[in-house]
Amino acid sequence: MTIIINIKPEVQEELSRQAAAHGVDVNSYAASLLEEAAHVPAGSKKLSQAQLEKTLEEIAQFSQKIPVLPDEAFSRESLYRDHD
């Protein structure tokens, strides 16, 4: 289905910015927003290698803020201390 809509220039700029931030073209991004608003599953969303790497980099940028846990935190005794 093809839909033609008129939007304000500032909305178009923001939509383009968000699409670029997600690594997709503006048409695909707008379609995904409409599908989400209509509560229709968008189908299988496969990330390209570049999109996956970008997402992982975004997640990793905060990893230095995660406190280092001692080795004992991952021991069997520590994991199951509330069980017999």
PDB file of N, CA and C in Angstrom:
ATOM      1  N   MET A   1       0.851  -1.172   0.000  1.00  0.00           N
ATOM      2  CA  MET A   1       0.000   0.000   0.000  1.00  0.00           C
ATOM      3  C   MET A   1       0.895   1.233   0.000  1.00  0.00           C
ATOM      4  N   THR A   2       0.539   2.195  -0.762  1.00  0.00           N
ATOM      5  CA  THR A   2       1.276   3.451  -0.805  1.00  0.00           C
ATOM      6  C   THR A   2       0.410   4.547  -0.220  1.00  0.00           C
ATOM      7  N   ILE A   3       0.992   5.307   0.696  1.00  0.00           N
ATOM      8  CA  ILE A   3       0.298   6.426   1.324  1.00  0.00           C
ATOM      9  C   ILE A   3       1.142   7.670   1.118  1.00  0.00           C
ATOM     10  N   ILE A   4       0.511   8.739   0.720  1.00  0.00           N
ATOM     11  CA  ILE A   4       1.200  10.016   0.581  1.00  0.00           C
ATOM     12  C   ILE A   4       0.682  10.935   1.676  1.00  0.00           C
ATOM     13  N   ILE A   5       1.611  11.451   2.481  1.00  0.00           N
ATOM     14  CA  ILE A   5       1.221  12.363   3.556  1.00  0.00           C
ATOM     15  C   ILE A   5       2.066  13.625   3.476  1.00  0.00           C
ATOM     16  N   ASN A   6       1.494  14.711   3.936  1.00  0.00           N
ATOM     17  CA  ASN A   6       2.219  15.978   4.006  1.00  0.00           C
ATOM     18  C   ASN A   6       2.586  16.224   5.461  1.00  0.00           C
ATOM     19  N   ILE A   7       3.871  16.424   5.705  1.00  0.00           N
ATOM     20  CA  ILE A   7       4.336  16.699   7.058  1.00  0.00           C
ATOM     21  C   ILE A   7       5.164  17.975   7.055  1.00  0.00           C
ATOM     22  N   LYS A   8       5.250  18.584   8.218  1.00  0.00           N
ATOM     23  CA  LYS A   8       6.014  19.816   8.358  1.00  0.00           C
ATOM     24  C   LYS A   8       7.494  19.531   8.119  1.00  0.00           C
ATOM     25  N   PRO A   9       8.228  20.507   7.597  1.00  0.00           N
ATOM     26  CA  PRO A   9       9.661  20.302   7.342  1.00  0.00           C
ATOM     27  C   PRO A   9      10.438  19.868   8.583  1.00  0.00           C
ATOM     28  N   GLU A  10      10.097  20.430   9.744  1.00  0.00           N
ATOM     29  CA  GLU A  10      10.826  20.053  10.955  1.00  0.00           C
ATOM     30  C   GLU A  10      10.540  18.612  11.361  1.00  0.00           C
ATOM     31  N   VAL A  11       9.328  18.132  11.062  1.00  0.00           N
ATOM     32  CA  VAL A  11       8.998  16.734  11.339  1.00  0.00           C
ATOM     33  C   VAL A  11       9.775  15.837  10.380  1.00  0.00           C
ATOM     34  N   GLN A  12       9.857  16.248   9.136  1.00  0.00           N
ATOM     35  CA  GLN A  12      10.616  15.488   8.146  1.00  0.00           C
ATOM     36  C   GLN A  12      12.093  15.405   8.544  1.00  0.00           C
ATOM     37  N   GLU A  13      12.651  16.506   9.013  1.00  0.00           N
ATOM     38  CA  GLU A  13      14.049  16.516   9.448  1.00  0.00           C
ATOM     39  C   GLU A  13      14.265  15.562  10.623  1.00  0.00           C
ATOM     40  N   GLU A  14      13.352  15.609  11.587  1.00  0.00           N
ATOM     41  CA  GLU A  14      13.480  14.735  12.758  1.00  0.00           C
ATOM     42  C   GLU A  14      13.318  13.273  12.365  1.00  0.00           C
ATOM     43  N   LEU A  15      12.378  12.989  11.483  1.00  0.00           N
ATOM     44  CA  LEU A  15      12.172  11.625  11.008  1.00  0.00           C
ATOM     45  C   LEU A  15      13.422  11.126  10.293  1.00  0.00           C
ATOM     46  N   SER A  16      14.012  11.972   9.472  1.00  0.00           N
ATOM     47  CA  SER A  16      15.248  11.611   8.769  1.00  0.00           C
ATOM     48  C   SER A  16      16.387  11.372   9.753  1.00  0.00           C
ATOM     49  N   ARG A  17      16.478  12.210  10.786  1.00  0.00           N
ATOM     50  CA  ARG A  17      17.529  12.062  11.787  1.00  0.00           C
ATOM     51  C   ARG A  17      17.385  10.737  12.532  1.00  0.00           C
ATOM     52  N   GLN A  18      16.154  10.426  12.928  1.00  0.00           N
ATOM     53  CA  GLN A  18      15.920   9.181  13.657  1.00  0.00           C
ATOM     54  C   GLN A  18      16.180   7.963  12.772  1.00  0.00           C
ATOM     55  N   ALA A  19      15.778   8.051  11.508  1.00  0.00           N
ATOM     56  CA  ALA A  19      16.024   6.941  10.581  1.00  0.00           C
ATOM     57  C   ALA A  19      17.523   6.705  10.434  1.00  0.00           C
ATOM     58  N   ALA A  20      18.284   7.783  10.273  1.00  0.00           N
ATOM     59  CA  ALA A  20      19.739   7.656  10.147  1.00  0.00           C
ATOM     60  C   ALA A  20      20.345   7.066  11.411  1.00  0.00           C
ATOM     61  N   ALA A  21      19.823   7.470  12.568  1.00  0.00           N
ATOM     62  CA  ALA A  21      20.328   6.940  13.836  1.00  0.00           C
ATOM     63  C   ALA A  21      20.078   5.440  13.954  1.00  0.00           C
ATOM     64  N   HIS A  22      19.008   4.960  13.325  1.00  0.00           N
ATOM     65  CA  HIS A  22      18.689   3.537  13.344  1.00  0.00           C
ATOM     66  C   HIS A  22      19.323   2.796  12.169  1.00  0.00           C
ATOM     67  N   GLY A  23      19.985   3.538  11.285  1.00  0.00           N
ATOM     68  CA  GLY A  23      20.670   2.915  10.155  1.00  0.00           C
ATOM     69  C   GLY A  23      19.758   2.406   9.063  1.00  0.00           C
ATOM     70  N   VAL A  24      18.591   3.038   8.920  1.00  0.00           N
ATOM     71  CA  VAL A  24      17.651   2.636   7.867  1.00  0.00           C
ATOM     72  C   VAL A  24      17.218   3.861   7.077  1.00  0.00           C
ATOM     73  N   ASP A  25      16.650   3.612   5.906  1.00  0.00           N
ATOM     74  CA  ASP A  25      16.157   4.744   5.122  1.00  0.00           C
ATOM     75  C   ASP A  25      14.856   5.266   5.733  1.00  0.00           C
ATOM     76  N   VAL A  26      14.539   6.501   5.411  1.00  0.00           N
ATOM     77  CA  VAL A  26      13.406   7.175   6.041  1.00  0.00           C
ATOM     78  C   VAL A  26      12.077   6.485   5.721  1.00  0.00           C
ATOM     79  N   ASN A  27      11.929   5.936   4.520  1.00  0.00           N
ATOM     80  CA  ASN A  27      10.677   5.249   4.169  1.00  0.00           C
ATOM     81  C   ASN A  27      10.461   4.007   5.032  1.00  0.00           C
ATOM     82  N   SER A  28      11.510   3.213   5.197  1.00  0.00           N
ATOM     83  CA  SER A  28      11.405   2.010   6.036  1.00  0.00           C
ATOM     84  C   SER A  28      11.127   2.379   7.485  1.00  0.00           C
ATOM     85  N   TYR A  29      11.792   3.435   7.951  1.00  0.00           N
ATOM     86  CA  TYR A  29      11.600   3.857   9.338  1.00  0.00           C
ATOM     87  C   TYR A  29      10.169   4.344   9.560  1.00  0.00           C
ATOM     88  N   ALA A  30       9.652   5.156   8.636  1.00  0.00           N
ATOM     89  CA  ALA A  30       8.279   5.652   8.757  1.00  0.00           C
ATOM     90  C   ALA A  30       7.287   4.490   8.722  1.00  0.00           C
ATOM     91  N   ALA A  31       7.536   3.513   7.853  1.00  0.00           N
ATOM     92  CA  ALA A  31       6.651   2.349   7.777  1.00  0.00           C
ATOM     93  C   ALA A  31       6.670   1.573   9.088  1.00  0.00           C
ATOM     94  N   SER A  32       7.859   1.424   9.695  1.00  0.00           N
ATOM     95  CA  SER A  32       7.930   0.689  10.963  1.00  0.00           C
ATOM     96  C   SER A  32       7.195   1.434  12.073  1.00  0.00           C
ATOM     97  N   LEU A  33       7.252   2.770  12.061  1.00  0.00           N
ATOM     98  CA  LEU A  33       6.506   3.554  13.053  1.00  0.00           C
ATOM     99  C   LEU A  33       5.002   3.374  12.879  1.00  0.00           C
ATOM    100  N   LEU A  34       4.541   3.360  11.637  1.00  0.00           N
ATOM    101  CA  LEU A  34       3.113   3.154  11.377  1.00  0.00           C
ATOM    102  C   LEU A  34       2.680   1.751  11.803  1.00  0.00           C
ATOM    103  N   GLU A  35       3.510   0.749  11.502  1.00  0.00           N
ATOM    104  CA  GLU A  35       3.184  -0.623  11.907  1.00  0.00           C
ATOM    105  C   GLU A  35       3.116  -0.738  13.426  1.00  0.00           C
ATOM    106  N   GLU A  36       4.051  -0.083  14.095  1.00  0.00           N
ATOM    107  CA  GLU A  36       4.056  -0.105  15.559  1.00  0.00           C
ATOM    108  C   GLU A  36       2.813   0.589  16.110  1.00  0.00           C
ATOM    109  N   ALA A  37       2.439   1.706  15.522  1.00  0.00           N
ATOM    110  CA  ALA A  37       1.259   2.442  15.973  1.00  0.00           C
ATOM    111  C   ALA A  37      -0.017   1.637  15.741  1.00  0.00           C
ATOM    112  N   ALA A  38      -0.024   0.838  14.689  1.00  0.00           N
ATOM    113  CA  ALA A  38      -1.193   0.019  14.378  1.00  0.00           C
ATOM    114  C   ALA A  38      -1.159  -1.314  15.128  1.00  0.00           C
ATOM    115  N   HIS A  39      -0.104  -1.540  15.900  1.00  0.00           N
ATOM    116  CA  HIS A  39       0.067  -2.769  16.683  1.00  0.00           C
ATOM    117  C   HIS A  39       0.080  -4.008  15.799  1.00  0.00           C
ATOM    118  N   VAL A  40       0.685  -3.879  14.638  1.00  0.00           N
ATOM    119  CA  VAL A  40       0.832  -5.006  13.725  1.00  0.00           C
ATOM    120  C   VAL A  40       2.295  -5.422  13.744  1.00  0.00           C
ATOM    121  N   PRO A  41       2.570  -6.698  13.951  1.00  0.00           N
ATOM    122  CA  PRO A  41       3.970  -7.127  13.928  1.00  0.00           C
ATOM    123  C   PRO A  41       4.614  -6.762  12.597  1.00  0.00           C
ATOM    124  N   ALA A  42       5.818  -6.250  12.664  1.00  0.00           N
ATOM    125  CA  ALA A  42       6.518  -5.802  11.463  1.00  0.00           C
ATOM    126  C   ALA A  42       7.178  -6.951  10.725  1.00  0.00           C
ATOM    127  N   GLY A  43       6.992  -8.165  11.172  1.00  0.00           N
ATOM    128  CA  GLY A  43       7.638  -9.298  10.533  1.00  0.00           C
ATOM    129  C   GLY A  43       9.003  -9.529  11.151  1.00  0.00           C
ATOM    130  N   SER A  44       9.740 -10.398  10.532  1.00  0.00           N
ATOM    131  CA  SER A  44      11.067 -10.676  11.084  1.00  0.00           C
ATOM    132  C   SER A  44      11.990  -9.516  10.757  1.00  0.00           C
ATOM    133  N   LYS A  45      12.507  -8.932  11.798  1.00  0.00           N
ATOM    134  CA  LYS A  45      13.417  -7.807  11.619  1.00  0.00           C
ATOM    135  C   LYS A  45      14.834  -8.343  11.708  1.00  0.00           C
ATOM    136  N   LYS A  46      15.503  -8.363  10.591  1.00  0.00           N
ATOM    137  CA  LYS A  46      16.883  -8.815  10.574  1.00  0.00           C
ATOM    138  C   LYS A  46      17.789  -7.605  10.503  1.00  0.00           C
ATOM    139  N   LEU A  47      18.771  -7.594  11.381  1.00  0.00           N
ATOM    140  CA  LEU A  47      19.737  -6.511  11.383  1.00  0.00           C
ATOM    141  C   LEU A  47      20.849  -6.824  10.400  1.00  0.00           C
ATOM    142  N   SER A  48      21.299  -5.802   9.722  1.00  0.00           N
ATOM    143  CA  SER A  48      22.482  -5.973   8.893  1.00  0.00           C
ATOM    144  C   SER A  48      23.685  -6.048   9.819  1.00  0.00           C
ATOM    145  N   GLN A  49      24.809  -6.477   9.290  1.00  0.00           N
ATOM    146  CA  GLN A  49      26.020  -6.556  10.103  1.00  0.00           C
ATOM    147  C   GLN A  49      26.366  -5.184  10.667  1.00  0.00           C
ATOM    148  N   ALA A  50      26.224  -4.142   9.848  1.00  0.00           N
ATOM    149  CA  ALA A  50      26.538  -2.778  10.295  1.00  0.00           C
ATOM    150  C   ALA A  50      25.591  -2.333  11.407  1.00  0.00           C
ATOM    151  N   GLN A  51      24.296  -2.656  11.275  1.00  0.00           N
ATOM    152  CA  GLN A  51      23.324  -2.286  12.303  1.00  0.00           C
ATOM    153  C   GLN A  51      23.607  -3.017  13.610  1.00  0.00           C
ATOM    154  N   LEU A  52      23.977  -4.289  13.510  1.00  0.00           N
ATOM    155  CA  LEU A  52      24.301  -5.067  14.701  1.00  0.00           C
ATOM    156  C   LEU A  52      25.517  -4.477  15.403  1.00  0.00           C
ATOM    157  N   GLU A  53      26.559  -4.183  14.638  1.00  0.00           N
ATOM    158  CA  GLU A  53      27.768  -3.610  15.230  1.00  0.00           C
ATOM    159  C   GLU A  53      27.477  -2.263  15.877  1.00  0.00           C
ATOM    160  N   LYS A  54      26.649  -1.447  15.221  1.00  0.00           N
ATOM    161  CA  LYS A  54      26.300  -0.135  15.775  1.00  0.00           C
ATOM    162  C   LYS A  54      25.539  -0.299  17.090  1.00  0.00           C
ATOM    163  N   THR A  55      24.596  -1.224  17.128  1.00  0.00           N
ATOM    164  CA  THR A  55      23.819  -1.472  18.338  1.00  0.00           C
ATOM    165  C   THR A  55      24.717  -1.960  19.472  1.00  0.00           C
ATOM    166  N   LEU A  56      25.621  -2.871  19.157  1.00  0.00           N
ATOM    167  CA  LEU A  56      26.531  -3.377  20.182  1.00  0.00           C
ATOM    168  C   LEU A  56      27.467  -2.287  20.688  1.00  0.00           C
ATOM    169  N   GLU A  57      27.916  -1.412  19.798  1.00  0.00           N
ATOM    170  CA  GLU A  57      28.756  -0.287  20.219  1.00  0.00           C
ATOM    171  C   GLU A  57      27.985   0.657  21.139  1.00  0.00           C
ATOM    172  N   GLU A  58      26.699   0.894  20.834  1.00  0.00           N
ATOM    173  CA  GLU A  58      25.877   1.759  21.681  1.00  0.00           C
ATOM    174  C   GLU A  58      25.709   1.152  23.075  1.00  0.00           C
ATOM    175  N   ILE A  59      25.540  -0.150  23.130  1.00  0.00           N
ATOM    176  CA  ILE A  59      25.416  -0.824  24.423  1.00  0.00           C
ATOM    177  C   ILE A  59      26.747  -0.773  25.170  1.00  0.00           C
ATOM    178  N   ALA A  60      27.836  -1.005  24.447  1.00  0.00           N
ATOM    179  CA  ALA A  60      29.161  -1.064  25.068  1.00  0.00           C
ATOM    180  C   ALA A  60      29.625   0.277  25.606  1.00  0.00           C
ATOM    181  N   GLN A  61      29.094   1.368  25.094  1.00  0.00           N
ATOM    182  CA  GLN A  61      29.578   2.672  25.542  1.00  0.00           C
ATOM    183  C   GLN A  61      29.335   2.906  27.028  1.00  0.00           C
ATOM    184  N   PHE A  62      28.432   2.156  27.620  1.00  0.00           N
ATOM    185  CA  PHE A  62      28.148   2.313  29.045  1.00  0.00           C
ATOM    186  C   PHE A  62      28.790   1.206  29.888  1.00  0.00           C
ATOM    187  N   SER A  63      29.515   0.302  29.251  1.00  0.00           N
ATOM    188  CA  SER A  63      30.047  -0.849  29.980  1.00  0.00           C
ATOM    189  C   SER A  63      31.078  -0.468  31.030  1.00  0.00           C
ATOM    190  N   GLN A  64      31.778   0.634  30.859  1.00  0.00           N
ATOM    191  CA  GLN A  64      32.777   1.035  31.850  1.00  0.00           C
ATOM    192  C   GLN A  64      32.117   1.449  33.163  1.00  0.00           C
ATOM    193  N   LYS A  65      30.816   1.709  33.152  1.00  0.00           N
ATOM    194  CA  LYS A  65      30.101   2.106  34.364  1.00  0.00           C
ATOM    195  C   LYS A  65      29.608   0.900  35.170  1.00  0.00           C
ATOM    196  N   ILE A  66      29.713  -0.286  34.594  1.00  0.00           N
ATOM    197  CA  ILE A  66      29.260  -1.492  35.279  1.00  0.00           C
ATOM    198  C   ILE A  66      30.348  -1.920  36.260  1.00  0.00           C
ATOM    199  N   PRO A  67      30.005  -2.091  37.525  1.00  0.00           N
ATOM    200  CA  PRO A  67      31.029  -2.480  38.499  1.00  0.00           C
ATOM    201  C   PRO A  67      31.536  -3.899  38.239  1.00  0.00           C
ATOM    202  N   VAL A  68      32.805  -4.108  38.518  1.00  0.00           N
ATOM    203  CA  VAL A  68      33.411  -5.424  38.364  1.00  0.00           C
ATOM    204  C   VAL A  68      32.994  -6.281  39.556  1.00  0.00           C
ATOM    205  N   LEU A  69      32.503  -7.475  39.276  1.00  0.00           N
ATOM    206  CA  LEU A  69      32.085  -8.388  40.340  1.00  0.00           C
ATOM    207  C   LEU A  69      33.224  -9.339  40.675  1.00  0.00           C
ATOM    208  N   PRO A  70      33.338  -9.730  41.932  1.00  0.00           N
ATOM    209  CA  PRO A  70      34.381 -10.693  42.299  1.00  0.00           C
ATOM    210  C   PRO A  70      34.049 -12.070  41.721  1.00  0.00           C
ATOM    211  N   ASP A  71      35.069 -12.913  41.576  1.00  0.00           N
ATOM    212  CA  ASP A  71      34.868 -14.261  41.035  1.00  0.00           C
ATOM    213  C   ASP A  71      33.863 -15.063  41.856  1.00  0.00           C
ATOM    214  N   GLU A  72      33.795 -14.799  43.160  1.00  0.00           N
ATOM    215  CA  GLU A  72      32.875 -15.541  44.021  1.00  0.00           C
ATOM    216  C   GLU A  72      31.415 -15.311  43.625  1.00  0.00           C
ATOM    217  N   ALA A  73      31.132 -14.219  42.966  1.00  0.00           N
ATOM    218  CA  ALA A  73      29.753 -13.917  42.572  1.00  0.00           C
ATOM    219  C   ALA A  73      29.219 -14.933  41.573  1.00  0.00           C
ATOM    220  N   PHE A  74      30.124 -15.638  40.892  1.00  0.00           N
ATOM    221  CA  PHE A  74      29.707 -16.593  39.869  1.00  0.00           C
ATOM    222  C   PHE A  74      29.922 -18.043  40.286  1.00  0.00           C
ATOM    223  N   SER A  75      30.191 -18.266  41.553  1.00  0.00           N
ATOM    224  CA  SER A  75      30.393 -19.638  42.021  1.00  0.00           C
ATOM    225  C   SER A  75      29.044 -20.333  42.179  1.00  0.00           C
ATOM    226  N   ARG A  76      29.069 -21.643  42.132  1.00  0.00           N
ATOM    227  CA  ARG A  76      27.845 -22.426  42.294  1.00  0.00           C
ATOM    228  C   ARG A  76      27.198 -22.134  43.645  1.00  0.00           C
ATOM    229  N   GLU A  77      28.023 -22.041  44.669  1.00  0.00           N
ATOM    230  CA  GLU A  77      27.513 -21.782  46.012  1.00  0.00           C
ATOM    231  C   GLU A  77      26.806 -20.430  46.081  1.00  0.00           C
ATOM    232  N   SER A  78      27.368 -19.461  45.422  1.00  0.00           N
ATOM    233  CA  SER A  78      26.776 -18.125  45.432  1.00  0.00           C
ATOM    234  C   SER A  78      25.453 -18.101  44.669  1.00  0.00           C
ATOM    235  N   LEU A  79      25.412 -18.805  43.546  1.00  0.00           N
ATOM    236  CA  LEU A  79      24.195 -18.814  42.729  1.00  0.00           C
ATOM    237  C   LEU A  79      23.053 -19.564  43.401  1.00  0.00           C
ATOM    238  N   TYR A  80      23.383 -20.623  44.143  1.00  0.00           N
ATOM    239  CA  TYR A  80      22.352 -21.474  44.729  1.00  0.00           C
ATOM    240  C   TYR A  80      22.317 -21.402  46.248  1.00  0.00           C
ATOM    241  N   ARG A  81      22.756 -20.313  46.836  1.00  0.00           N
ATOM    242  CA  ARG A  81      22.828 -20.236  48.295  1.00  0.00           C
ATOM    243  C   ARG A  81      21.449 -20.276  48.958  1.00  0.00           C
ATOM    244  N   ASP A  82      20.383 -19.939  48.243  1.00  0.00           N
ATOM    245  CA  ASP A  82      19.039 -19.968  48.817  1.00  0.00           C
ATOM    246  C   ASP A  82      18.347 -21.311  48.616  1.00  0.00           C
ATOM    247  N   HIS A  83      19.045 -22.266  47.984  1.00  0.00           N
ATOM    248  CA  HIS A  83      18.472 -23.586  47.709  1.00  0.00           C
ATOM    249  C   HIS A  83      19.266 -24.636  48.464  1.00  0.00           C
ATOM    250  N   ASP A  84      18.664 -25.783  48.642  1.00  0.00           N
ATOM    251  CA  ASP A  84      19.383 -26.892  49.299  1.00  0.00           C
ATOM    252  C   ASP A  84      20.192 -27.662  48.313  1.00  0.00           C
TER     253      ASP A  84
END
